[in-house]
Amino acid sequence: MTHHYQNILYEIKDQVARIVINRPPYNVLDIPTMREMVDALKDVRARQKELKVLLITSAGEKAFSTGVDVKDHMGEKMEEMLEVFHDIFRVMATLEIPTVAAVRGHVLGGGCEVVIFCDMVIASESAKLGQPEIKVGVFPPVANSYLPRIIPIKKAMELILTGDVISAREAEKLGLVNVVVPDDKFEEEVEKFLKRLTEKSGIVLRITKRAILASLNVDFETALQNNELIYKHALMKTHDANEGLEAFVQKRQPQWKNE
């Protein structure tokens, strides 16, 4: 299933939703592009019970995205830009399915914010990530709000306050990137990574992500209780959890129904 937009490509195939920013070479996020992304993300949310994963990537090799159009930061456009841009994250935050970003080239500004907000990230060896907003006299609201939650505060401060751009390998060491792959095998490795998810049960992926998120920002006992409740009252009510256990005992491959 393919949907038609001007600035992005959006398709659903084999239980994977793919959003491709299609404004090469730099895939700048102007307001119309961001509106299309929000619309596509809302469609993903509406269909997520039939999906297993969302992939966000971009066209071309030069840049995943160099960020939001600088002109949209200025004058009367600023408030609209912030509202539309932040809607991307508001919708992403409600997605139950795992989200994966696949990036190569420059991953900067608002483009980097989209990437760090995904659950997992695959990067080519030549990818460069950064939040350079400070260099033009502004700051990145999403990175300010989210980066200190996922990496040490001192490194978050350094990246945001210096505007330094780091390599994919350094981002991997910080935990911002899961896997760094050779440039010439990028697409092949992305598909391999996706397969590691799509071979699992869709409903179990969604419930497990919910359980992980229910463990954040609470003490251990509360996290454990949350997971126990989800395990008993959501996970074990599914066909697939019981099928997986039975298949293991019977030494056969499970037949997922995603229900």
Protein backbone atom coordinates (compact mmCIF):
# COMPACT_ATOMS: atom_id res chain seq x y z
CA MET A 1 0.00 0.00 0.00
CA THR A 2 1.52 3.30 -1.12
CA HIS A 3 0.31 6.79 -0.19
CA HIS A 4 1.09 9.80 -2.37
CA TYR A 5 2.75 12.91 -0.97
CA GLN A 6 4.89 15.68 -2.44
CA ASN A 7 7.85 15.60 -0.06
CA ILE A 8 7.85 12.17 1.53
CA LEU A 9 7.33 8.60 0.42
CA TYR A 10 5.06 6.48 2.59
CA GLU A 11 4.26 2.84 2.07
CA ILE A 12 3.22 -0.22 4.02
CA LYS A 13 4.59 -3.56 2.92
CA ASP A 14 5.09 -6.86 4.75
CA GLN A 15 3.86 -5.32 8.02
CA VAL A 16 6.51 -2.59 7.89
CA ALA A 17 5.50 1.06 7.52
CA ARG A 18 8.18 3.14 5.80
CA ILE A 19 8.38 6.93 5.84
CA VAL A 20 11.08 8.30 3.53
CA ILE A 21 11.98 12.00 3.59
CA ASN A 22 12.23 12.69 -0.12
CA ARG A 23 13.89 16.07 -0.57
CA PRO A 24 17.46 15.20 -1.57
CA PRO A 25 20.23 16.07 -1.38
CA TYR A 26 19.80 17.51 2.14
CA ASN A 27 16.21 16.51 2.94
CA VAL A 28 15.48 19.81 4.65
CA LEU A 29 12.32 19.74 6.77
CA ASP A 30 10.14 22.63 5.72
CA ILE A 31 6.62 23.10 7.07
CA PRO A 32 4.83 21.23 4.23
CA THR A 33 7.20 18.27 4.62
CA MET A 34 6.62 18.13 8.35
CA ARG A 35 2.85 18.28 7.86
CA GLU A 36 3.12 15.29 5.55
CA MET A 37 5.18 13.43 8.14
CA VAL A 38 2.57 14.11 10.81
CA ASP A 39 -0.19 12.89 8.50
CA ALA A 40 1.72 9.70 7.67
CA LEU A 41 2.52 9.07 11.33
CA LYS A 42 -1.16 9.43 12.23
CA ASP A 43 -1.96 6.84 9.58
CA VAL A 44 0.67 4.51 11.05
CA ARG A 45 -0.93 4.97 14.47
CA ALA A 46 -4.37 4.11 13.06
CA ARG A 47 -3.02 0.94 11.42
CA GLN A 48 -0.46 -0.16 13.98
CA LYS A 49 -2.33 -3.29 15.06
CA GLU A 50 -1.62 -4.71 11.61
CA LEU A 51 2.01 -3.54 11.62
CA LYS A 52 5.21 -4.71 13.30
CA VAL A 53 7.60 -1.80 12.88
CA LEU A 54 7.95 1.75 11.53
CA LEU A 55 11.08 2.67 9.57
CA ILE A 56 12.00 6.32 9.08
CA THR A 57 14.72 6.99 6.53
CA SER A 58 15.50 9.36 3.66
CA ALA A 59 16.32 9.56 -0.03
CA GLY A 60 19.90 9.97 -1.19
CA GLU A 61 23.23 9.39 0.52
CA LYS A 62 24.36 12.92 1.37
CA ALA A 63 22.03 13.51 4.32
CA PHE A 64 19.28 11.90 6.33
CA SER A 65 18.25 15.49 7.02
CA THR A 66 20.08 18.69 7.84
CA GLY A 67 17.10 19.82 9.89
CA VAL A 68 14.23 22.26 9.78
CA ASP A 69 14.40 25.01 7.16
CA VAL A 70 16.19 27.97 8.80
CA LYS A 71 13.76 30.41 7.17
CA ASP A 72 10.89 28.68 8.97
CA HIS A 73 12.51 29.59 12.30
CA MET A 74 12.08 33.29 11.61
CA GLY A 75 9.29 35.85 11.86
CA GLU A 76 5.67 34.81 11.57
CA LYS A 77 6.55 31.25 10.55
CA MET A 78 8.27 30.42 13.83
CA GLU A 79 5.19 29.51 15.87
CA GLU A 80 3.69 27.41 13.08
CA MET A 81 7.03 25.66 12.56
CA LEU A 82 7.34 24.74 16.23
CA GLU A 83 3.77 23.46 16.44
CA VAL A 84 4.03 21.30 13.32
CA PHE A 85 7.53 20.03 14.12
CA HIS A 86 6.61 19.09 17.66
CA ASP A 87 3.47 17.33 16.43
CA ILE A 88 5.83 14.79 14.82
CA PHE A 89 7.07 13.80 18.27
CA ARG A 90 3.68 14.00 19.93
CA VAL A 91 2.36 11.40 17.48
CA MET A 92 5.52 9.26 17.63
CA ALA A 93 5.21 9.18 21.42
CA THR A 94 1.82 7.46 21.07
CA LEU A 95 3.02 4.69 18.74
CA GLU A 96 2.89 1.20 20.22
CA ILE A 97 5.04 -0.40 17.52
CA PRO A 98 8.85 -0.18 17.56
CA THR A 99 10.30 2.72 15.57
CA VAL A 100 13.60 2.45 13.70
CA ALA A 101 15.61 5.22 12.02
CA ALA A 102 18.06 4.32 9.25
CA VAL A 103 20.49 7.14 8.49
CA ARG A 104 23.47 8.04 6.37
CA GLY A 105 25.28 11.27 5.66
CA HIS A 106 24.48 14.37 7.70
CA VAL A 107 21.99 13.93 10.55
CA LEU A 108 21.65 17.42 11.94
CA GLY A 109 19.33 19.70 13.90
CA GLY A 110 15.70 18.70 13.61
CA GLY A 111 16.76 15.69 11.56
CA CYS A 112 18.87 14.47 14.46
CA GLU A 113 15.98 15.06 16.85
CA VAL A 114 13.72 12.78 14.77
CA VAL A 115 16.43 10.11 14.85
CA ILE A 116 17.17 10.18 18.58
CA PHE A 117 13.43 9.98 19.30
CA CYS A 118 13.16 6.63 17.49
CA ASP A 119 13.44 3.45 19.55
CA MET A 120 16.42 2.16 17.56
CA VAL A 121 18.88 3.62 15.05
CA ILE A 122 20.97 2.11 12.26
CA ALA A 123 23.69 4.37 10.86
CA SER A 124 26.14 4.12 7.99
CA GLU A 125 29.83 4.48 8.86
CA SER A 126 29.99 7.89 7.22
CA ALA A 127 27.00 9.32 9.11
CA LYS A 128 27.56 12.46 11.19
CA LEU A 129 25.13 13.42 13.95
CA GLY A 130 24.72 16.68 15.79
CA GLN A 131 22.62 19.51 17.20
CA PRO A 132 24.34 22.62 15.80
CA GLU A 133 21.48 25.02 16.59
CA ILE A 134 23.55 26.88 19.20
CA LYS A 135 25.86 28.05 16.42
CA VAL A 136 23.07 30.13 14.87
CA GLY A 137 21.80 31.44 18.18
CA VAL A 138 18.93 29.08 18.99
CA PHE A 139 18.43 25.79 20.84
CA PRO A 140 16.80 22.43 19.95
CA PRO A 141 13.64 22.01 22.09
CA VAL A 142 13.20 18.30 21.45
CA ALA A 143 16.87 17.47 22.05
CA ASN A 144 16.82 19.59 25.21
CA SER A 145 13.76 17.66 26.41
CA TYR A 146 14.80 14.16 25.36
CA LEU A 147 18.57 13.79 24.97
CA PRO A 148 19.31 13.98 28.74
CA ARG A 149 16.86 11.11 29.22
CA ILE A 150 18.85 8.72 27.02
CA ILE A 151 22.52 9.67 27.47
CA PRO A 152 24.50 11.05 30.43
CA ILE A 153 23.60 14.64 31.23
CA LYS A 154 27.19 15.85 30.80
CA LYS A 155 27.37 14.48 27.26
CA ALA A 156 23.94 15.90 26.44
CA MET A 157 25.12 19.29 27.70
CA GLU A 158 28.29 19.04 25.63
CA LEU A 159 26.53 18.11 22.40
CA ILE A 160 23.84 20.78 22.71
CA LEU A 161 25.97 23.63 24.11
CA THR A 162 28.92 23.17 21.73
CA GLY A 163 26.92 22.17 18.68
CA ASP A 164 29.64 19.64 17.88
CA VAL A 165 28.97 17.03 15.22
CA ILE A 166 30.01 13.47 16.07
CA SER A 167 30.70 10.36 14.02
CA ALA A 168 28.40 7.36 13.84
CA ARG A 169 30.93 5.37 15.88
CA GLU A 170 30.97 7.97 18.64
CA ALA A 171 27.17 8.07 18.61
CA GLU A 172 27.18 4.29 18.95
CA LYS A 173 29.45 4.53 22.01
CA LEU A 174 27.04 7.03 23.56
CA GLY A 175 24.07 4.73 22.95
CA LEU A 176 22.45 7.03 20.37
CA VAL A 177 23.01 4.48 17.60
CA ASN A 178 22.42 0.73 17.86
CA VAL A 179 24.33 -0.49 14.83
CA VAL A 180 26.92 1.08 12.52
CA VAL A 181 27.12 -0.57 9.10
CA PRO A 182 29.38 -0.20 6.04
CA ASP A 183 28.20 2.45 3.58
CA ASP A 184 28.14 0.01 0.68
CA LYS A 185 25.97 -2.47 2.61
CA PHE A 186 23.63 0.07 4.18
CA GLU A 187 20.34 -1.00 2.58
CA GLU A 188 21.13 -4.69 2.97
CA GLU A 189 21.95 -4.27 6.66
CA VAL A 190 18.80 -2.20 7.27
CA GLU A 191 16.67 -5.03 5.91
CA LYS A 192 18.54 -7.55 8.06
CA PHE A 193 17.88 -5.44 11.14
CA LEU A 194 14.19 -5.12 10.30
CA LYS A 195 13.93 -8.88 9.85
CA ARG A 196 15.12 -9.35 13.43
CA LEU A 197 11.93 -7.55 14.45
CA THR A 198 9.45 -8.71 11.82
CA GLU A 199 10.09 -12.38 12.55
CA LYS A 200 8.60 -11.77 15.99
CA SER A 201 4.90 -11.52 16.89
CA GLY A 202 3.51 -8.06 16.24
CA ILE A 203 1.26 -8.02 19.29
CA VAL A 204 4.07 -9.25 21.54
CA LEU A 205 6.36 -6.52 20.20
CA ARG A 206 3.74 -3.88 21.04
CA ILE A 207 3.04 -5.21 24.52
CA THR A 208 6.74 -5.59 25.30
CA LYS A 209 7.47 -2.01 24.23
CA ARG A 210 4.62 -0.87 26.48
CA ALA A 211 6.11 -2.82 29.39
CA ILE A 212 9.57 -1.33 28.85
CA LEU A 213 8.15 2.20 28.80
CA ALA A 214 6.15 1.43 31.95
CA SER A 215 9.49 0.87 33.69
CA LEU A 216 10.84 4.36 33.03
CA ASN A 217 10.99 7.13 35.62
CA VAL A 218 9.64 4.94 38.42
CA ASP A 219 11.34 2.99 41.21
CA PHE A 220 12.23 -0.67 40.65
CA GLU A 221 9.34 -2.09 42.66
CA THR A 222 6.79 -0.01 40.73
CA ALA A 223 8.41 -0.99 37.44
CA LEU A 224 8.28 -4.66 38.42
CA GLN A 225 4.63 -4.40 39.45
CA ASN A 226 3.79 -2.65 36.18
CA ASN A 227 5.46 -5.43 34.21
CA GLU A 228 3.76 -8.13 36.27
CA LEU A 229 0.34 -6.62 35.56
CA ILE A 230 1.05 -6.26 31.85
CA TYR A 231 2.41 -9.82 31.71
CA LYS A 232 -0.66 -11.34 33.39
CA HIS A 233 -3.44 -9.20 31.99
CA ALA A 234 -2.18 -8.32 28.51
CA LEU A 235 0.63 -10.57 27.31
CA MET A 236 -0.74 -13.92 28.49
CA LYS A 237 -4.19 -13.10 27.14
CA THR A 238 -2.78 -13.21 23.60
CA HIS A 239 -2.75 -16.17 21.26
CA ASP A 240 0.86 -15.53 20.30
CA ALA A 241 2.37 -15.66 23.79
CA ASN A 242 0.78 -19.05 24.38
CA GLU A 243 1.65 -20.22 20.88
CA GLY A 244 5.29 -19.26 21.36
CA LEU A 245 5.58 -21.25 24.58
CA GLU A 246 3.79 -24.27 23.13
CA ALA A 247 5.95 -24.20 20.00
CA PHE A 248 9.11 -24.18 22.12
CA VAL A 249 7.95 -27.19 24.14
CA GLN A 250 6.91 -29.01 20.95
CA LYS A 251 10.22 -28.13 19.22
CA ARG A 252 8.60 -26.38 16.25
CA GLN A 253 8.45 -22.90 14.77
CA PRO A 254 5.67 -20.71 16.20
CA GLN A 255 2.81 -19.68 13.93
CA TRP A 256 2.10 -16.08 14.82
CA LYS A 257 -1.37 -14.64 14.34
CA ASN A 258 -0.55 -11.21 15.78
CA GLU A 259 -3.44 -11.58 18.18
